[in-house]
PDB file of N, CA and C in Angstrom:
ATOM      1  N   MET A   1      10.280 -88.122 -62.403  1.00  0.00           N
ATOM      2  CA  MET A   1      11.259 -89.797 -62.604  1.00  0.00           C
ATOM      3  C   MET A   1       9.403 -90.220 -61.539  1.00  0.00           C
ATOM      4  N   LYS A   2       9.992 -91.887 -61.645  1.00  0.00           N
ATOM      5  CA  LYS A   2       8.808 -92.380 -61.117  1.00  0.00           C
ATOM      6  C   LYS A   2       9.546 -93.447 -59.914  1.00  0.00           C
ATOM      7  N   MET A   3       9.161 -93.654 -59.082  1.00  0.00           N
ATOM      8  CA  MET A   3       9.315 -94.758 -57.847  1.00  0.00           C
ATOM      9  C   MET A   3      10.304 -95.369 -58.078  1.00  0.00           C
ATOM     10  N   ARG A   4       9.567 -96.374 -59.042  1.00  0.00           N
ATOM     11  CA  ARG A   4      10.955 -97.584 -59.686  1.00  0.00           C
ATOM     12  C   ARG A   4      12.427 -97.104 -59.944  1.00  0.00           C
ATOM     13  N   GLU A   5      12.043 -95.641 -60.852  1.00  0.00           N
ATOM     14  CA  GLU A   5      13.500 -95.221 -61.495  1.00  0.00           C
ATOM     15  C   GLU A   5      14.409 -94.561 -60.020  1.00  0.00           C
ATOM     16  N   LEU A   6      13.944 -93.745 -59.324  1.00  0.00           N
ATOM     17  CA  LEU A   6      14.661 -93.257 -58.269  1.00  0.00           C
ATOM     18  C   LEU A   6      15.297 -94.619 -57.203  1.00  0.00           C
ATOM     19  N   LEU A   7      14.096 -95.636 -56.978  1.00  0.00           N
ATOM     20  CA  LEU A   7      15.050 -96.623 -56.236  1.00  0.00           C
ATOM     21  C   LEU A   7      16.281 -96.657 -56.575  1.00  0.00           C
ATOM     22  N   ILE A   8      15.726 -97.893 -58.163  1.00  0.00           N
ATOM     23  CA  ILE A   8      17.448 -97.708 -58.844  1.00  0.00           C
ATOM     24  C   ILE A   8      18.599 -97.220 -58.771  1.00  0.00           C
ATOM     25  N   LYS A   9      18.247 -95.490 -59.181  1.00  0.00           N
ATOM     26  CA  LYS A   9      19.466 -94.953 -58.893  1.00  0.00           C
ATOM     27  C   LYS A   9      19.802 -94.766 -57.490  1.00  0.00           C
ATOM     28  N   TYR A  10      18.728 -94.178 -56.466  1.00  0.00           N
ATOM     29  CA  TYR A  10      19.759 -95.415 -54.845  1.00  0.00           C
ATOM     30  C   TYR A  10      20.497 -96.098 -54.785  1.00  0.00           C
ATOM     31  N   ARG A  11      19.852 -96.876 -55.840  1.00  0.00           N
ATOM     32  CA  ARG A  11      20.859 -98.191 -55.269  1.00  0.00           C
ATOM     33  C   ARG A  11      22.093 -97.915 -55.466  1.00  0.00           C
ATOM     34  N   GLY A  12      22.424 -97.644 -56.642  1.00  0.00           N
ATOM     35  CA  GLY A  12      23.435 -97.437 -57.147  1.00  0.00           C
ATOM     36  C   GLY A  12      24.024 -98.358 -58.228  1.00  0.00           C
ATOM     37  N   LYS A  13      25.039 -99.004 -57.382  1.00  0.00           N
ATOM     38  CA  LYS A  13      26.154 -99.941 -58.031  1.00  0.00           C
ATOM     39  C   LYS A  13      26.005-101.447 -56.679  1.00  0.00           C
ATOM     40  N   ARG A  14      24.812-100.817 -56.097  1.00  0.00           N
ATOM     41  CA  ARG A  14      24.540-101.746 -54.669  1.00  0.00           C
ATOM     42  C   ARG A  14      23.868-102.319 -55.849  1.00  0.00           C
ATOM     43  N   THR A  15      23.509-104.087 -55.032  1.00  0.00           N
ATOM     44  CA  THR A  15      22.647-105.111 -55.613  1.00  0.00           C
ATOM     45  C   THR A  15      21.567-104.439 -54.530  1.00  0.00           C
ATOM     46  N   GLN A  16      20.393-105.999 -55.342  1.00  0.00           N
ATOM     47  CA  GLN A  16      19.177-105.313 -54.711  1.00  0.00           C
ATOM     48  C   GLN A  16      19.263-106.232 -52.948  1.00  0.00           C
ATOM     49  N   LYS A  17      20.223-107.546 -53.312  1.00  0.00           N
ATOM     50  CA  LYS A  17      19.521-107.716 -52.037  1.00  0.00           C
ATOM     51  C   LYS A  17      21.370-107.363 -51.124  1.00  0.00           C
ATOM     52  N   GLU A  18      21.494-106.833 -51.663  1.00  0.00           N
ATOM     53  CA  GLU A  18      21.859-105.907 -50.228  1.00  0.00           C
ATOM     54  C   GLU A  18      21.431-104.911 -50.135  1.00  0.00           C
ATOM     55  N   MET A  19      20.459-103.934 -50.788  1.00  0.00           N
ATOM     56  CA  MET A  19      19.887-102.735 -50.295  1.00  0.00           C
ATOM     57  C   MET A  19      18.659-103.700 -49.704  1.00  0.00           C
ATOM     58  N   ALA A  20      18.226-104.703 -49.654  1.00  0.00           N
ATOM     59  CA  ALA A  20      16.938-105.333 -49.330  1.00  0.00           C
ATOM     60  C   ALA A  20      17.508-105.843 -47.852  1.00  0.00           C
ATOM     61  N   GLU A  21      19.308-106.188 -47.547  1.00  0.00           N
ATOM     62  CA  GLU A  21      20.163-106.405 -46.089  1.00  0.00           C
ATOM     63  C   GLU A  21      19.499-105.269 -45.353  1.00  0.00           C
ATOM     64  N   LYS A  22      19.789-103.692 -46.539  1.00  0.00           N
ATOM     65  CA  LYS A  22      20.471-102.857 -45.703  1.00  0.00           C
ATOM     66  C   LYS A  22      18.958-102.431 -44.796  1.00  0.00           C
ATOM     67  N   TYR A  23      18.139-102.471 -44.827  1.00  0.00           N
ATOM     68  CA  TYR A  23      16.419-102.354 -45.256  1.00  0.00           C
ATOM     69  C   TYR A  23      15.385-103.802 -44.039  1.00  0.00           C
ATOM     70  N   GLY A  24      16.225-104.583 -43.576  1.00  0.00           N
ATOM     71  CA  GLY A  24      15.472-105.825 -43.317  1.00  0.00           C
ATOM     72  C   GLY A  24      14.376-106.276 -43.630  1.00  0.00           C
ATOM     73  N   VAL A  25      14.593-106.463 -45.589  1.00  0.00           N
ATOM     74  CA  VAL A  25      13.307-106.851 -46.503  1.00  0.00           C
ATOM     75  C   VAL A  25      13.776-108.105 -46.979  1.00  0.00           C
ATOM     76  N   SER A  26      13.210-109.331 -48.513  1.00  0.00           N
ATOM     77  CA  SER A  26      13.996-109.957 -49.229  1.00  0.00           C
ATOM     78  C   SER A  26      14.363-109.930 -50.451  1.00  0.00           C
ATOM     79  N   GLN A  27      15.261-110.177 -50.882  1.00  0.00           N
ATOM     80  CA  GLN A  27      15.554-109.707 -52.291  1.00  0.00           C
ATOM     81  C   GLN A  27      14.310-109.136 -52.734  1.00  0.00           C
ATOM     82  N   GLN A  28      14.205-110.571 -52.888  1.00  0.00           N
ATOM     83  CA  GLN A  28      12.715-110.028 -53.673  1.00  0.00           C
ATOM     84  C   GLN A  28      11.315-109.184 -53.632  1.00  0.00           C
ATOM     85  N   LEU A  29      11.501-108.545 -52.209  1.00  0.00           N
ATOM     86  CA  LEU A  29      10.572-107.071 -52.385  1.00  0.00           C
ATOM     87  C   LEU A  29      11.248-106.594 -52.751  1.00  0.00           C
ATOM     88  N   TRP A  30      12.375-105.990 -52.797  1.00  0.00           N
ATOM     89  CA  TRP A  30      12.670-104.616 -53.311  1.00  0.00           C
ATOM     90  C   TRP A  30      12.596-104.543 -54.344  1.00  0.00           C
ATOM     91  N   ALA A  31      12.554-106.211 -54.969  1.00  0.00           N
ATOM     92  CA  ALA A  31      12.791-106.038 -57.043  1.00  0.00           C
ATOM     93  C   ALA A  31      11.369-105.618 -56.966  1.00  0.00           C
ATOM     94  N   LEU A  32      10.418-105.989 -56.222  1.00  0.00           N
ATOM     95  CA  LEU A  32       8.814-105.945 -56.525  1.00  0.00           C
ATOM     96  C   LEU A  32       8.807-104.210 -56.922  1.00  0.00           C
ATOM     97  N   TRP A  33       9.520-103.307 -55.719  1.00  0.00           N
ATOM     98  CA  TRP A  33       9.518-101.741 -55.705  1.00  0.00           C
ATOM     99  C   TRP A  33      10.331-101.737 -56.554  1.00  0.00           C
ATOM    100  N   GLU A  34      11.135-102.349 -57.051  1.00  0.00           N
ATOM    101  CA  GLU A  34      11.992-101.126 -58.101  1.00  0.00           C
ATOM    102  C   GLU A  34      11.273-101.799 -59.580  1.00  0.00           C
ATOM    103  N   LEU A  35      10.310-102.467 -59.206  1.00  0.00           N
ATOM    104  CA  LEU A  35       9.678-102.465 -60.973  1.00  0.00           C
ATOM    105  C   LEU A  35       7.981-102.026 -61.105  1.00  0.00           C
ATOM    106  N   GLY A  36       8.239-101.474 -59.552  1.00  0.00           N
ATOM    107  CA  GLY A  36       6.933-101.209 -59.888  1.00  0.00           C
ATOM    108  C   GLY A  36       5.629-101.595 -59.468  1.00  0.00           C
ATOM    109  N   LYS A  37       5.592-102.760 -59.096  1.00  0.00           N
ATOM    110  CA  LYS A  37       4.650-103.906 -58.689  1.00  0.00           C
ATOM    111  C   LYS A  37       3.778-103.479 -57.031  1.00  0.00           C
ATOM    112  N   SER A  38       4.765-102.975 -56.213  1.00  0.00           N
ATOM    113  CA  SER A  38       4.654-103.511 -55.022  1.00  0.00           C
ATOM    114  C   SER A  38       5.267-101.377 -54.431  1.00  0.00           C
ATOM    115  N   ALA A  39       4.807-101.571 -53.091  1.00  0.00           N
ATOM    116  CA  ALA A  39       5.475 -99.935 -52.108  1.00  0.00           C
ATOM    117  C   ALA A  39       5.679-100.327 -51.266  1.00  0.00           C
ATOM    118  N   PRO A  40       6.680 -99.694 -51.135  1.00  0.00           N
ATOM    119  CA  PRO A  40       7.014-100.063 -49.422  1.00  0.00           C
ATOM    120  C   PRO A  40       6.229 -99.214 -48.444  1.00  0.00           C
ATOM    121  N   LYS A  41       6.027 -99.856 -47.213  1.00  0.00           N
ATOM    122  CA  LYS A  41       4.766 -99.643 -46.360  1.00  0.00           C
ATOM    123  C   LYS A  41       4.859 -98.523 -45.497  1.00  0.00           C
ATOM    124  N   PRO A  42       4.168 -97.469 -45.043  1.00  0.00           N
ATOM    125  CA  PRO A  42       4.883 -95.697 -45.025  1.00  0.00           C
ATOM    126  C   PRO A  42       6.486 -95.425 -43.981  1.00  0.00           C
ATOM    127  N   HIS A  43       6.339 -96.563 -42.793  1.00  0.00           N
ATOM    128  CA  HIS A  43       7.901 -96.558 -42.165  1.00  0.00           C
ATOM    129  C   HIS A  43       8.799 -96.862 -42.541  1.00  0.00           C
ATOM    130  N   MET A  44       9.141 -97.387 -43.689  1.00  0.00           N
ATOM    131  CA  MET A  44       9.885 -98.016 -45.272  1.00  0.00           C
ATOM    132  C   MET A  44      10.152 -97.393 -45.677  1.00  0.00           C
ATOM    133  N   MET A  45       8.605 -96.173 -46.518  1.00  0.00           N
ATOM    134  CA  MET A  45       8.905 -95.009 -47.220  1.00  0.00           C
ATOM    135  C   MET A  45       9.936 -92.844 -46.626  1.00  0.00           C
ATOM    136  N   LYS A  46       9.273 -93.645 -45.211  1.00  0.00           N
ATOM    137  CA  LYS A  46      10.135 -92.694 -44.770  1.00  0.00           C
ATOM    138  C   LYS A  46      11.464 -92.824 -44.342  1.00  0.00           C
ATOM    139  N   ARG A  47      11.703 -93.926 -43.992  1.00  0.00           N
ATOM    140  CA  ARG A  47      13.402 -94.668 -43.638  1.00  0.00           C
ATOM    141  C   ARG A  47      14.503 -93.952 -45.173  1.00  0.00           C
ATOM    142  N   ILE A  48      13.050 -94.708 -45.826  1.00  0.00           N
ATOM    143  CA  ILE A  48      13.886 -94.840 -47.248  1.00  0.00           C
ATOM    144  C   ILE A  48      14.584 -93.267 -48.314  1.00  0.00           C
ATOM    145  N   SER A  49      13.438 -92.368 -47.399  1.00  0.00           N
ATOM    146  CA  SER A  49      13.366 -91.053 -47.967  1.00  0.00           C
ATOM    147  C   SER A  49      14.510 -89.980 -46.689  1.00  0.00           C
ATOM    148  N   LEU A  50      14.658 -90.229 -45.635  1.00  0.00           N
ATOM    149  CA  LEU A  50      16.289 -89.774 -45.103  1.00  0.00           C
ATOM    150  C   LEU A  50      17.408 -90.192 -45.326  1.00  0.00           C
ATOM    151  N   ASP A  51      17.324 -91.692 -46.015  1.00  0.00           N
ATOM    152  CA  ASP A  51      19.467 -91.661 -46.138  1.00  0.00           C
ATOM    153  C   ASP A  51      19.037 -91.728 -47.220  1.00  0.00           C
ATOM    154  N   CYS A  52      18.339 -91.136 -48.526  1.00  0.00           N
ATOM    155  CA  CYS A  52      18.265 -90.680 -49.542  1.00  0.00           C
ATOM    156  C   CYS A  52      18.295 -89.193 -49.728  1.00  0.00           C
ATOM    157  N   LYS A  53      17.870 -88.464 -48.745  1.00  0.00           N
ATOM    158  CA  LYS A  53      18.084 -87.079 -48.608  1.00  0.00           C
ATOM    159  C   LYS A  53      16.611 -86.308 -49.385  1.00  0.00           C
ATOM    160  N   LYS A  54      15.934 -87.285 -49.577  1.00  0.00           N
ATOM    161  CA  LYS A  54      14.766 -86.575 -50.957  1.00  0.00           C
ATOM    162  C   LYS A  54      13.207 -87.317 -49.963  1.00  0.00           C
ATOM    163  N   PRO A  55      12.223 -85.908 -50.232  1.00  0.00           N
ATOM    164  CA  PRO A  55      11.057 -86.234 -49.873  1.00  0.00           C
ATOM    165  C   PRO A  55      10.557 -87.034 -50.496  1.00  0.00           C
ATOM    166  N   MET A  56       9.845 -88.206 -49.277  1.00  0.00           N
ATOM    167  CA  MET A  56       9.229 -89.103 -49.527  1.00  0.00           C
ATOM    168  C   MET A  56       8.145 -88.777 -50.452  1.00  0.00           C
ATOM    169  N   GLU A  57       7.169 -87.939 -50.692  1.00  0.00           N
ATOM    170  CA  GLU A  57       6.516 -87.374 -51.286  1.00  0.00           C
ATOM    171  C   GLU A  57       6.557 -87.328 -52.765  1.00  0.00           C
ATOM    172  N   LYS A  58       8.219 -86.855 -52.864  1.00  0.00           N
ATOM    173  CA  LYS A  58       8.673 -86.905 -54.893  1.00  0.00           C
ATOM    174  C   LYS A  58       9.042 -88.020 -54.840  1.00  0.00           C
ATOM    175  N   ILE A  59       9.669 -89.119 -53.402  1.00  0.00           N
ATOM    176  CA  ILE A  59      10.432 -90.392 -54.089  1.00  0.00           C
ATOM    177  C   ILE A  59       9.070 -91.501 -54.494  1.00  0.00           C
ATOM    178  N   PHE A  60       7.492 -91.351 -53.834  1.00  0.00           N
ATOM    179  CA  PHE A  60       7.050 -92.924 -53.592  1.00  0.00           C
ATOM    180  C   PHE A  60       5.549 -91.456 -54.446  1.00  0.00           C
ATOM    181  N   PHE A  61       6.256 -90.552 -55.268  1.00  0.00           N
ATOM    182  CA  PHE A  61       4.930 -89.726 -55.991  1.00  0.00           C
ATOM    183  C   PHE A  61       3.622 -89.633 -56.464  1.00  0.00           C
ATOM    184  N   ASP A  62       4.377 -91.230 -57.035  1.00  0.00           N
ATOM    185  CA  ASP A  62       3.149 -92.361 -57.824  1.00  0.00           C
ATOM    186  C   ASP A  62       3.086 -93.532 -57.672  1.00  0.00           C
ATOM    187  N   VAL A  63       2.489 -93.121 -55.750  1.00  0.00           N
ATOM    188  CA  VAL A  63       1.999 -93.950 -54.722  1.00  0.00           C
ATOM    189  C   VAL A  63       1.333 -93.226 -54.247  1.00  0.00           C
ATOM    190  N   PHE A  64       1.036 -92.279 -54.064  1.00  0.00           N
ATOM    191  CA  PHE A  64       0.642 -90.683 -53.092  1.00  0.00           C
ATOM    192  C   PHE A  64       0.184 -90.990 -54.533  1.00  0.00           C
ATOM    193  N   ASN A  65      -0.343 -90.665 -55.550  1.00  0.00           N
ATOM    194  CA  ASN A  65      -1.353 -89.716 -56.574  1.00  0.00           C
ATOM    195  C   ASN A  65      -1.329 -90.825 -57.861  1.00  0.00           C
ATOM    196  N   GLN A  66      -2.739 -92.287 -56.931  1.00  0.00           N
ATOM    197  CA  GLN A  66      -2.712 -92.941 -58.606  1.00  0.00           C
ATOM    198  C   GLN A  66      -4.432 -92.958 -58.267  1.00  0.00           C
TER     199      GLN A  66
END
């Protein structure tokens, strides 16, 4: 699965705005992550990884293997 698919799956029924508020970023930035047009900074990748209980390397595989 690609980063964007995993982020959308992790978001579930929550809105992009809710996720953005949870992580202290703008809704627009969260949307860019879901579109695969941008990637979170490493510290944010780690936080998301811990929250979804999936290895950072799995969620952000496409970022690490470009």
